[in-house]
Amino acid sequence: MGGTTRRQFLLRGGALAGLLAAGGTAAVLPSRGRADATALSPARRETYTAFMETVVTGPSMRLDASVAPAAAERFAAAYAGWPPERRRDADTVLDALADVAALDPGRRGAELRARARPTTARPDAAERARLELSVRALELAAVVLDPPDSHAIVTV
């Protein structure tokens, strides 16, 4: 499952949301001299932007969706500095969210919540993979919303 438990992840997030809403300038800049292969693709950036619109307008943050493009810009900067394995993992998550990103904003939140909800007491492998994808998606949101040692909660 990785080094971060769902509970740890859910205890994080939101601290920089106010900074984003206020037009803050905290950004993670990529290393100099990186090839374009490390850049976030335009389609994945659109997916991340749509995902962040849903996250930041959700009940735990209640921010304006207009902060999502700045969040996507900061995410793209962080992504460019990641090792290839981490970028591939982010690509996998964003590719899996592309169909949700194509939904109208009102349906996105409901779909993301449905995907994050177990349907049985003992999920099979496919359901566990779907639930894990939800956690990994929120971890991507935390890249720009969460300082490393905060204890805020991010929900969709």
N, C-alpha and C. Protein backbone atom coordinates (compact mmCIF):
# COMPACT_ATOMS: atom_id res chain seq x y z
N MET A 1 0.80 -1.20 0.00
CA MET A 1 0.00 0.00 0.00
C MET A 1 0.84 1.26 0.00
N GLY A 2 2.09 1.17 0.34
CA GLY A 2 2.91 2.36 0.33
C GLY A 2 3.25 2.79 1.74
N GLY A 3 3.94 3.91 1.87
CA GLY A 3 4.40 4.37 3.16
C GLY A 3 3.40 5.21 3.92
N THR A 4 2.31 5.61 3.32
CA THR A 4 1.33 6.45 3.99
C THR A 4 0.02 5.70 4.11
N THR A 5 -0.48 5.61 5.34
CA THR A 5 -1.78 4.97 5.51
C THR A 5 -2.88 5.93 5.12
N ARG A 6 -4.05 5.38 4.88
CA ARG A 6 -5.20 6.22 4.52
C ARG A 6 -5.48 7.22 5.64
N ARG A 7 -5.40 6.76 6.86
CA ARG A 7 -5.66 7.65 7.99
C ARG A 7 -4.64 8.79 8.04
N GLN A 8 -3.36 8.45 7.86
CA GLN A 8 -2.33 9.49 7.84
C GLN A 8 -2.61 10.50 6.75
N PHE A 9 -2.97 9.97 5.58
CA PHE A 9 -3.25 10.87 4.48
C PHE A 9 -4.44 11.77 4.78
N LEU A 10 -5.50 11.17 5.29
CA LEU A 10 -6.70 11.95 5.56
C LEU A 10 -6.49 12.96 6.68
N LEU A 11 -5.50 12.72 7.52
CA LEU A 11 -5.18 13.67 8.57
C LEU A 11 -4.38 14.86 8.03
N ARG A 12 -3.91 14.73 6.80
CA ARG A 12 -3.15 15.81 6.18
C ARG A 12 -4.03 16.62 5.26
N GLY A 13 -3.49 17.69 4.74
CA GLY A 13 -4.14 18.44 3.66
C GLY A 13 -4.84 19.70 4.10
N GLY A 14 -5.13 20.54 3.19
CA GLY A 14 -5.90 21.74 3.43
C GLY A 14 -5.14 22.94 3.95
N ALA A 15 -3.97 22.75 4.52
CA ALA A 15 -3.26 23.87 5.13
C ALA A 15 -2.86 24.93 4.10
N LEU A 16 -2.46 24.49 2.94
CA LEU A 16 -2.09 25.45 1.91
C LEU A 16 -3.28 25.92 1.09
N ALA A 17 -4.44 25.34 1.34
CA ALA A 17 -5.62 25.74 0.56
C ALA A 17 -5.91 27.23 0.76
N GLY A 18 -5.77 27.69 1.97
CA GLY A 18 -5.97 29.12 2.22
C GLY A 18 -4.95 29.95 1.48
N LEU A 19 -3.73 29.46 1.42
CA LEU A 19 -2.69 30.14 0.69
C LEU A 19 -3.02 30.18 -0.80
N LEU A 20 -3.51 29.05 -1.33
CA LEU A 20 -3.93 29.03 -2.72
C LEU A 20 -5.06 30.02 -2.96
N ALA A 21 -6.02 30.02 -2.06
CA ALA A 21 -7.18 30.91 -2.21
C ALA A 21 -6.77 32.37 -2.13
N ALA A 22 -5.75 32.63 -1.34
CA ALA A 22 -5.28 34.00 -1.19
C ALA A 22 -4.25 34.38 -2.25
N GLY A 23 -4.00 33.46 -3.17
CA GLY A 23 -3.04 33.77 -4.24
C GLY A 23 -1.62 33.61 -3.79
N GLY A 24 -1.39 32.69 -2.88
CA GLY A 24 -0.05 32.47 -2.34
C GLY A 24 0.94 32.07 -3.41
N THR A 25 2.20 32.16 -3.05
CA THR A 25 3.25 31.87 -4.02
C THR A 25 4.08 30.66 -3.66
N ALA A 26 3.68 29.89 -2.67
CA ALA A 26 4.46 28.70 -2.32
C ALA A 26 4.38 27.72 -3.48
N ALA A 27 5.52 27.40 -4.04
CA ALA A 27 5.54 26.46 -5.16
C ALA A 27 6.75 25.55 -5.02
N VAL A 28 6.62 24.38 -5.53
CA VAL A 28 7.73 23.45 -5.60
C VAL A 28 8.25 23.55 -7.02
N LEU A 29 9.46 24.04 -7.16
CA LEU A 29 10.01 24.26 -8.49
C LEU A 29 10.78 23.05 -8.96
N PRO A 30 10.69 22.73 -10.24
CA PRO A 30 11.42 21.58 -10.76
C PRO A 30 12.92 21.88 -10.81
N SER A 31 13.70 20.83 -10.84
CA SER A 31 15.14 20.99 -10.99
C SER A 31 15.44 21.58 -12.35
N ARG A 32 16.49 22.37 -12.43
CA ARG A 32 16.88 22.95 -13.71
C ARG A 32 17.48 21.88 -14.60
N GLY A 33 17.34 22.07 -15.90
CA GLY A 33 17.96 21.19 -16.85
C GLY A 33 17.21 19.90 -17.11
N ARG A 34 15.98 19.77 -16.65
CA ARG A 34 15.20 18.55 -16.89
C ARG A 34 14.67 18.55 -18.33
N ALA A 35 14.61 17.39 -18.90
CA ALA A 35 14.06 17.26 -20.25
C ALA A 35 12.55 17.39 -20.21
N ASP A 36 11.95 17.71 -21.36
CA ASP A 36 10.50 17.84 -21.45
C ASP A 36 9.77 16.56 -21.10
N ALA A 37 10.45 15.42 -21.14
CA ALA A 37 9.82 14.14 -20.82
C ALA A 37 9.32 14.12 -19.38
N THR A 38 9.81 15.02 -18.55
CA THR A 38 9.37 15.06 -17.15
C THR A 38 8.15 15.94 -16.96
N ALA A 39 7.71 16.61 -18.01
CA ALA A 39 6.58 17.53 -17.89
C ALA A 39 5.26 16.77 -17.86
N LEU A 40 4.32 17.30 -17.12
CA LEU A 40 2.97 16.76 -17.06
C LEU A 40 2.28 17.04 -18.39
N SER A 41 1.67 16.04 -18.99
CA SER A 41 1.03 16.22 -20.29
C SER A 41 -0.18 17.15 -20.14
N PRO A 42 -0.55 17.85 -21.21
CA PRO A 42 -1.72 18.73 -21.14
C PRO A 42 -3.00 17.99 -20.73
N ALA A 43 -3.20 16.78 -21.23
CA ALA A 43 -4.42 16.02 -20.87
C ALA A 43 -4.43 15.68 -19.39
N ARG A 44 -3.29 15.29 -18.84
CA ARG A 44 -3.22 14.97 -17.41
C ARG A 44 -3.35 16.23 -16.56
N ARG A 45 -2.83 17.35 -17.05
CA ARG A 45 -2.98 18.61 -16.33
C ARG A 45 -4.47 18.98 -16.27
N GLU A 46 -5.19 18.79 -17.37
CA GLU A 46 -6.63 19.06 -17.37
C GLU A 46 -7.36 18.15 -16.39
N THR A 47 -6.97 16.89 -16.36
CA THR A 47 -7.58 15.95 -15.42
C THR A 47 -7.31 16.39 -13.98
N TYR A 48 -6.06 16.76 -13.70
CA TYR A 48 -5.72 17.21 -12.34
C TYR A 48 -6.49 18.47 -11.98
N THR A 49 -6.61 19.39 -12.91
CA THR A 49 -7.35 20.62 -12.65
C THR A 49 -8.81 20.32 -12.31
N ALA A 50 -9.44 19.45 -13.10
CA ALA A 50 -10.83 19.08 -12.84
C ALA A 50 -10.96 18.37 -11.50
N PHE A 51 -10.02 17.49 -11.20
CA PHE A 51 -10.03 16.78 -9.91
C PHE A 51 -9.90 17.78 -8.77
N MET A 52 -8.98 18.74 -8.91
CA MET A 52 -8.78 19.72 -7.84
C MET A 52 -9.98 20.65 -7.70
N GLU A 53 -10.67 20.95 -8.79
CA GLU A 53 -11.91 21.73 -8.67
C GLU A 53 -12.89 21.02 -7.73
N THR A 54 -12.95 19.72 -7.87
CA THR A 54 -13.84 18.93 -7.02
C THR A 54 -13.35 18.90 -5.59
N VAL A 55 -12.07 18.71 -5.38
CA VAL A 55 -11.52 18.65 -4.03
C VAL A 55 -11.67 19.98 -3.30
N VAL A 56 -11.28 21.07 -3.93
CA VAL A 56 -11.28 22.36 -3.22
C VAL A 56 -12.67 22.92 -2.99
N THR A 57 -13.64 22.51 -3.80
CA THR A 57 -15.01 22.99 -3.59
C THR A 57 -15.81 22.04 -2.69
N GLY A 58 -15.19 20.95 -2.28
CA GLY A 58 -15.85 19.97 -1.42
C GLY A 58 -16.10 20.50 -0.02
N PRO A 59 -16.83 19.74 0.77
CA PRO A 59 -17.25 20.19 2.09
C PRO A 59 -16.11 20.47 3.07
N SER A 60 -14.96 19.83 2.89
CA SER A 60 -13.88 20.06 3.84
C SER A 60 -13.10 21.34 3.56
N MET A 61 -13.23 21.91 2.36
CA MET A 61 -12.47 23.11 2.02
C MET A 61 -13.35 24.28 1.66
N ARG A 62 -14.36 24.05 0.86
CA ARG A 62 -15.30 25.09 0.46
C ARG A 62 -14.61 26.32 -0.13
N LEU A 63 -13.65 26.07 -1.01
CA LEU A 63 -12.97 27.16 -1.71
C LEU A 63 -13.60 27.35 -3.08
N ASP A 64 -13.26 28.43 -3.72
CA ASP A 64 -13.72 28.68 -5.07
C ASP A 64 -12.93 27.80 -6.04
N ALA A 65 -13.60 27.28 -7.04
CA ALA A 65 -12.96 26.42 -8.03
C ALA A 65 -11.85 27.15 -8.79
N SER A 66 -11.83 28.46 -8.73
CA SER A 66 -10.81 29.22 -9.46
C SER A 66 -9.39 28.98 -8.93
N VAL A 67 -9.25 28.35 -7.76
CA VAL A 67 -7.90 28.05 -7.25
C VAL A 67 -7.32 26.80 -7.90
N ALA A 68 -8.16 26.02 -8.59
CA ALA A 68 -7.70 24.75 -9.17
C ALA A 68 -6.60 24.91 -10.22
N PRO A 69 -6.67 25.87 -11.15
CA PRO A 69 -5.58 26.01 -12.12
C PRO A 69 -4.22 26.31 -11.47
N ALA A 70 -4.22 27.12 -10.41
CA ALA A 70 -2.97 27.40 -9.71
C ALA A 70 -2.46 26.13 -9.02
N ALA A 71 -3.37 25.35 -8.48
CA ALA A 71 -2.99 24.08 -7.86
C ALA A 71 -2.38 23.15 -8.90
N ALA A 72 -2.98 23.11 -10.08
CA ALA A 72 -2.46 22.26 -11.16
C ALA A 72 -1.07 22.73 -11.60
N GLU A 73 -0.87 24.02 -11.63
CA GLU A 73 0.45 24.56 -11.99
C GLU A 73 1.50 24.14 -10.96
N ARG A 74 1.15 24.22 -9.69
CA ARG A 74 2.08 23.81 -8.64
C ARG A 74 2.32 22.30 -8.69
N PHE A 75 1.26 21.55 -8.97
CA PHE A 75 1.42 20.10 -9.10
C PHE A 75 2.36 19.78 -10.26
N ALA A 76 2.18 20.42 -11.39
CA ALA A 76 3.03 20.17 -12.56
C ALA A 76 4.50 20.47 -12.24
N ALA A 77 4.73 21.52 -11.47
CA ALA A 77 6.10 21.86 -11.08
C ALA A 77 6.69 20.77 -10.18
N ALA A 78 5.90 20.29 -9.23
CA ALA A 78 6.37 19.21 -8.35
C ALA A 78 6.61 17.94 -9.15
N TYR A 79 5.67 17.61 -10.01
CA TYR A 79 5.73 16.41 -10.85
C TYR A 79 7.02 16.38 -11.68
N ALA A 80 7.40 17.51 -12.23
CA ALA A 80 8.60 17.59 -13.08
C ALA A 80 9.88 17.23 -12.31
N GLY A 81 9.86 17.40 -11.01
CA GLY A 81 11.03 17.09 -10.21
C GLY A 81 11.03 15.69 -9.61
N TRP A 82 9.99 14.94 -9.85
CA TRP A 82 9.89 13.60 -9.28
C TRP A 82 10.71 12.58 -10.06
N PRO A 83 11.09 11.49 -9.40
CA PRO A 83 11.75 10.40 -10.13
C PRO A 83 10.74 9.71 -11.07
N PRO A 84 11.23 9.04 -12.10
CA PRO A 84 10.33 8.42 -13.09
C PRO A 84 9.26 7.50 -12.50
N GLU A 85 9.60 6.71 -11.49
CA GLU A 85 8.62 5.79 -10.90
C GLU A 85 7.43 6.54 -10.30
N ARG A 86 7.72 7.62 -9.60
CA ARG A 86 6.64 8.40 -9.00
C ARG A 86 5.79 9.09 -10.07
N ARG A 87 6.44 9.59 -11.13
CA ARG A 87 5.67 10.19 -12.24
C ARG A 87 4.76 9.15 -12.90
N ARG A 88 5.28 7.93 -13.10
CA ARG A 88 4.46 6.87 -13.70
C ARG A 88 3.25 6.56 -12.82
N ASP A 89 3.44 6.52 -11.52
CA ASP A 89 2.32 6.26 -10.61
C ASP A 89 1.28 7.38 -10.72
N ALA A 90 1.74 8.62 -10.72
CA ALA A 90 0.82 9.75 -10.87
C ALA A 90 0.09 9.67 -12.21
N ASP A 91 0.80 9.31 -13.27
CA ASP A 91 0.18 9.16 -14.60
C ASP A 91 -0.93 8.11 -14.56
N THR A 92 -0.66 7.01 -13.89
CA THR A 92 -1.65 5.93 -13.79
C THR A 92 -2.92 6.43 -13.09
N VAL A 93 -2.74 7.16 -12.00
CA VAL A 93 -3.89 7.68 -11.26
C VAL A 93 -4.65 8.69 -12.11
N LEU A 94 -3.93 9.63 -12.72
CA LEU A 94 -4.60 10.65 -13.53
C LEU A 94 -5.30 10.04 -14.74
N ASP A 95 -4.70 9.04 -15.34
CA ASP A 95 -5.35 8.37 -16.47
C ASP A 95 -6.64 7.68 -16.02
N ALA A 96 -6.63 7.11 -14.82
CA ALA A 96 -7.83 6.45 -14.29
C ALA A 96 -8.92 7.45 -13.93
N LEU A 97 -8.54 8.70 -13.68
CA LEU A 97 -9.51 9.74 -13.32
C LEU A 97 -10.02 10.51 -14.54
N ALA A 98 -9.48 10.25 -15.70
CA ALA A 98 -9.84 11.04 -16.89
C ALA A 98 -11.33 10.99 -17.19
N ASP A 99 -11.96 9.84 -16.99
CA ASP A 99 -13.39 9.75 -17.26
C ASP A 99 -14.20 10.59 -16.27
N VAL A 100 -13.74 10.68 -15.03
CA VAL A 100 -14.42 11.51 -14.03
C VAL A 100 -14.23 12.98 -14.36
N ALA A 101 -13.04 13.34 -14.80
CA ALA A 101 -12.76 14.73 -15.14
C ALA A 101 -13.64 15.23 -16.26
N ALA A 102 -14.08 14.32 -17.12
CA ALA A 102 -14.92 14.70 -18.26
C ALA A 102 -16.37 14.98 -17.84
N LEU A 103 -16.73 14.58 -16.62
CA LEU A 103 -18.10 14.81 -16.14
C LEU A 103 -18.31 16.28 -15.80
N ASP A 104 -19.58 16.69 -15.73
CA ASP A 104 -19.84 18.05 -15.29
C ASP A 104 -19.46 18.15 -13.81
N PRO A 105 -19.10 19.35 -13.35
CA PRO A 105 -18.61 19.50 -11.98
C PRO A 105 -19.55 18.94 -10.90
N GLY A 106 -20.83 19.05 -11.09
CA GLY A 106 -21.76 18.54 -10.10
C GLY A 106 -21.72 17.03 -9.95
N ARG A 107 -21.45 16.33 -11.03
CA ARG A 107 -21.41 14.86 -10.98
C ARG A 107 -20.05 14.33 -10.55
N ARG A 108 -19.00 15.14 -10.74
CA ARG A 108 -17.66 14.67 -10.39
C ARG A 108 -17.54 14.26 -8.93
N GLY A 109 -18.00 15.13 -8.04
CA GLY A 109 -17.89 14.83 -6.61
C GLY A 109 -18.63 13.56 -6.24
N ALA A 110 -19.84 13.40 -6.75
CA ALA A 110 -20.62 12.19 -6.45
C ALA A 110 -19.91 10.94 -6.96
N GLU A 111 -19.34 11.02 -8.16
CA GLU A 111 -18.64 9.87 -8.72
C GLU A 111 -17.39 9.54 -7.93
N LEU A 112 -16.63 10.56 -7.54
CA LEU A 112 -15.42 10.31 -6.76
C LEU A 112 -15.76 9.72 -5.39
N ARG A 113 -16.80 10.23 -4.75
CA ARG A 113 -17.22 9.68 -3.46
C ARG A 113 -17.68 8.23 -3.62
N ALA A 114 -18.41 7.93 -4.70
CA ALA A 114 -18.87 6.56 -4.93
C ALA A 114 -17.68 5.61 -5.13
N ARG A 115 -16.67 6.07 -5.83
CA ARG A 115 -15.49 5.24 -6.06
C ARG A 115 -14.69 5.00 -4.78
N ALA A 116 -14.80 5.91 -3.83
CA ALA A 116 -14.04 5.80 -2.59
C ALA A 116 -14.79 5.02 -1.51
N ARG A 117 -16.00 4.63 -1.79
CA ARG A 117 -16.85 3.95 -0.82
C ARG A 117 -16.86 2.45 -1.08
N PRO A 118 -16.53 1.64 -0.06
CA PRO A 118 -16.63 0.20 -0.26
C PRO A 118 -18.09 -0.22 -0.42
N THR A 119 -18.32 -1.23 -1.23
CA THR A 119 -19.69 -1.70 -1.46
C THR A 119 -19.98 -2.99 -0.70
N THR A 120 -18.94 -3.64 -0.18
CA THR A 120 -19.11 -4.85 0.60
C THR A 120 -18.19 -4.81 1.81
N ALA A 121 -18.52 -5.64 2.79
CA ALA A 121 -17.69 -5.70 4.00
C ALA A 121 -16.33 -6.31 3.71
N ARG A 122 -16.27 -7.17 2.71
CA ARG A 122 -15.02 -7.82 2.33
C ARG A 122 -14.77 -7.60 0.84
N PRO A 123 -14.18 -6.45 0.52
CA PRO A 123 -13.96 -6.13 -0.91
C PRO A 123 -13.07 -7.16 -1.60
N ASP A 124 -13.41 -7.47 -2.84
CA ASP A 124 -12.56 -8.34 -3.64
C ASP A 124 -11.38 -7.52 -4.16
N ALA A 125 -10.51 -8.17 -4.91
CA ALA A 125 -9.29 -7.51 -5.39
C ALA A 125 -9.60 -6.28 -6.25
N ALA A 126 -10.60 -6.37 -7.11
CA ALA A 126 -10.93 -5.24 -7.98
C ALA A 126 -11.43 -4.05 -7.16
N GLU A 127 -12.24 -4.33 -6.16
CA GLU A 127 -12.75 -3.24 -5.33
C GLU A 127 -11.64 -2.64 -4.48
N ARG A 128 -10.76 -3.48 -3.95
CA ARG A 128 -9.63 -2.96 -3.18
C ARG A 128 -8.76 -2.06 -4.06
N ALA A 129 -8.56 -2.45 -5.32
CA ALA A 129 -7.77 -1.63 -6.24
C ALA A 129 -8.46 -0.28 -6.48
N ARG A 130 -9.78 -0.29 -6.63
CA ARG A 130 -10.54 0.95 -6.82
C ARG A 130 -10.43 1.85 -5.59
N LEU A 131 -10.54 1.26 -4.41
CA LEU A 131 -10.43 2.04 -3.17
C LEU A 131 -9.02 2.61 -3.01
N GLU A 132 -8.01 1.81 -3.34
CA GLU A 132 -6.63 2.27 -3.26
C GLU A 132 -6.39 3.42 -4.24
N LEU A 133 -6.99 3.34 -5.41
CA LEU A 133 -6.86 4.42 -6.39
C LEU A 133 -7.42 5.73 -5.81
N SER A 134 -8.50 5.65 -5.07
CA SER A 134 -9.06 6.85 -4.44
C SER A 134 -8.08 7.46 -3.45
N VAL A 135 -7.43 6.63 -2.68
CA VAL A 135 -6.43 7.11 -1.73
C VAL A 135 -5.27 7.75 -2.48
N ARG A 136 -4.81 7.10 -3.53
CA ARG A 136 -3.70 7.64 -4.32
C ARG A 136 -4.08 8.96 -4.98
N ALA A 137 -5.33 9.10 -5.40
CA ALA A 137 -5.78 10.35 -5.99
C ALA A 137 -5.73 11.47 -4.95
N LEU A 138 -6.19 11.20 -3.74
CA LEU A 138 -6.14 12.22 -2.70
C LEU A 138 -4.70 12.54 -2.31
N GLU A 139 -3.80 11.58 -2.43
CA GLU A 139 -2.39 11.85 -2.20
C GLU A 139 -1.86 12.85 -3.24
N LEU A 140 -2.34 12.75 -4.46
CA LEU A 140 -1.94 13.73 -5.49
C LEU A 140 -2.48 15.11 -5.16
N ALA A 141 -3.69 15.17 -4.62
CA ALA A 141 -4.24 16.47 -4.19
C ALA A 141 -3.39 17.06 -3.08
N ALA A 142 -2.92 16.20 -2.19
CA ALA A 142 -2.14 16.67 -1.05
C ALA A 142 -0.80 17.26 -1.45
N VAL A 143 -0.32 16.96 -2.64
CA VAL A 143 0.96 17.50 -3.09
C VAL A 143 0.96 19.02 -3.00
N VAL A 144 -0.15 19.66 -3.34
CA VAL A 144 -0.19 21.12 -3.31
C VAL A 144 -0.99 21.66 -2.12
N LEU A 145 -1.76 20.82 -1.47
CA LEU A 145 -2.59 21.28 -0.36
C LEU A 145 -2.00 20.98 1.00
N ASP A 146 -0.95 20.19 1.04
CA ASP A 146 -0.49 19.63 2.29
C ASP A 146 0.99 19.83 2.53
N PRO A 147 1.35 20.65 3.52
CA PRO A 147 2.76 20.67 3.90
C PRO A 147 3.09 19.32 4.56
N PRO A 148 4.34 18.85 4.46
CA PRO A 148 4.68 17.50 4.87
C PRO A 148 4.25 17.07 6.28
N ASP A 149 4.26 17.95 7.26
CA ASP A 149 3.94 17.53 8.62
C ASP A 149 2.66 18.14 9.16
N SER A 150 1.71 18.45 8.29
CA SER A 150 0.46 19.02 8.77
C SER A 150 -0.49 17.91 9.22
N HIS A 151 -1.58 18.30 9.84
CA HIS A 151 -2.56 17.33 10.32
C HIS A 151 -3.97 17.75 9.92
N ALA A 152 -4.13 18.30 8.75
CA ALA A 152 -5.44 18.70 8.26
C ALA A 152 -6.08 17.53 7.51
N ILE A 153 -7.36 17.62 7.21
CA ILE A 153 -8.07 16.55 6.55
C ILE A 153 -8.49 16.98 5.15
N VAL A 154 -8.28 16.12 4.16
CA VAL A 154 -8.71 16.37 2.78
C VAL A 154 -9.76 15.32 2.44
N THR A 155 -10.92 15.75 2.02
CA THR A 155 -11.96 14.82 1.59
C THR A 155 -12.53 15.32 0.27
N VAL A 156 -13.29 14.47 -0.37
CA VAL A 156 -13.96 14.85 -1.61
C VAL A 156 -15.44 14.84 -1.38
